[in-house]
């Protein structure tokens, strides 16, 4: 068992992990940007439309599918409760 006060990673290994993950994130981000630009030219859509409209819709597809499945099973109330606090102002 690991106590709550005991560090799992040391400072040096944490910094190495941070650097490695930063490089991986930068590489993947560059890939995404180049893919969006290529798709923009191929589909004749603006980069802004793809970035602001299409990517968030595709990114939330699993959540949308879950909402539809719960709604069809008459569990809409449980789906609304599980999605977090609802503010109705």
Protein backbone atom coordinates (compact mmCIF):
# COMPACT_ATOMS: atom_id res chain seq x y z
CA UNK A 1 0.00 0.00 0.00
CA UNK A 2 1.12 3.53 -0.77
CA UNK A 3 0.38 6.18 1.81
CA UNK A 4 -1.10 9.48 0.64
CA UNK A 5 1.99 11.41 1.75
CA UNK A 6 4.43 9.25 -0.20
CA UNK A 7 5.31 10.54 -3.70
CA UNK A 8 4.83 8.04 -6.49
CA UNK A 9 7.25 9.84 -8.84
CA UNK A 10 10.32 11.78 -7.95
CA UNK A 11 10.88 15.31 -9.22
CA UNK A 12 13.29 14.25 -11.97
CA UNK A 13 11.08 11.49 -13.33
CA UNK A 14 8.05 13.79 -13.19
CA UNK A 15 9.94 16.40 -15.25
CA UNK A 16 11.01 13.74 -17.76
CA UNK A 17 7.40 12.55 -18.13
CA UNK A 18 6.25 16.15 -18.52
CA UNK A 19 8.82 16.79 -21.27
CA UNK A 20 7.99 13.56 -23.10
CA UNK A 21 4.25 14.19 -22.97
CA UNK A 22 4.77 17.79 -24.12
CA UNK A 23 6.70 16.60 -27.18
CA UNK A 24 4.07 13.95 -27.97
CA UNK A 25 1.28 16.53 -27.63
CA UNK A 26 3.12 18.96 -29.92
CA UNK A 27 3.65 16.27 -32.56
CA UNK A 28 0.04 15.14 -32.46
CA UNK A 29 -1.18 18.74 -32.58
CA UNK A 30 0.93 19.37 -35.68
CA UNK A 31 -0.57 16.26 -37.27
CA UNK A 32 -4.12 17.40 -36.47
CA UNK A 33 -3.50 20.87 -37.90
CA UNK A 34 -2.04 19.50 -41.14
CA UNK A 35 -4.93 17.05 -41.45
CA UNK A 36 -7.48 19.83 -40.94
CA UNK A 37 -5.77 21.95 -43.59
CA UNK A 38 -5.74 19.03 -46.06
CA UNK A 39 -9.40 18.24 -45.35
CA UNK A 40 -10.27 21.91 -45.79
CA UNK A 41 -8.75 21.94 -49.28
CA UNK A 42 -10.19 18.55 -50.23
CA UNK A 43 -13.75 19.26 -49.03
CA UNK A 44 -13.67 22.93 -50.01
CA UNK A 45 -14.66 23.99 -46.49
CA UNK A 46 -13.02 26.67 -44.42
CA UNK A 47 -10.56 25.69 -41.70
CA UNK A 48 -12.68 27.70 -39.24
CA UNK A 49 -15.82 25.69 -40.05
CA UNK A 50 -14.02 22.39 -39.60
CA UNK A 51 -12.34 23.54 -36.38
CA UNK A 52 -15.32 25.25 -34.76
CA UNK A 53 -18.23 23.11 -35.98
CA UNK A 54 -17.21 19.66 -37.21
CA UNK A 55 -14.47 18.67 -34.75
CA UNK A 56 -16.56 19.38 -31.61
CA UNK A 57 -19.52 17.46 -33.05
CA UNK A 58 -17.36 14.44 -33.88
CA UNK A 59 -15.56 14.72 -30.54
CA UNK A 60 -18.85 14.58 -28.66
CA UNK A 61 -20.38 11.83 -30.81
CA UNK A 62 -20.16 9.22 -28.02
CA UNK A 63 -21.92 11.56 -25.58
CA UNK A 64 -24.62 12.33 -28.15
CA UNK A 65 -25.13 8.62 -28.84
CA UNK A 66 -25.42 7.93 -25.10
CA UNK A 67 -28.03 10.66 -24.72
CA UNK A 68 -30.10 9.21 -27.57
CA UNK A 69 -29.89 5.67 -26.18
CA UNK A 70 -30.94 6.81 -22.70
CA UNK A 71 -33.81 8.83 -24.19
CA UNK A 72 -35.09 5.83 -26.12
CA UNK A 73 -34.98 3.76 -22.95
CA UNK A 74 -37.08 6.39 -21.10
CA UNK A 75 -34.14 7.24 -18.89
CA UNK A 76 -33.90 10.84 -19.96
CA UNK A 77 -34.10 12.06 -16.37
CA UNK A 78 -31.14 9.90 -15.33
CA UNK A 79 -29.19 11.15 -18.35
CA UNK A 80 -29.86 14.77 -17.44
CA UNK A 81 -28.81 14.14 -13.84
CA UNK A 82 -25.62 12.39 -14.91
CA UNK A 83 -24.60 15.23 -17.24
CA UNK A 84 -23.89 17.58 -14.36
CA UNK A 85 -25.59 20.57 -12.80
CA UNK A 86 -28.28 22.24 -14.84
CA UNK A 87 -28.57 26.01 -14.52
CA UNK A 88 -31.89 27.48 -15.62
CA UNK A 89 -31.69 31.23 -15.38
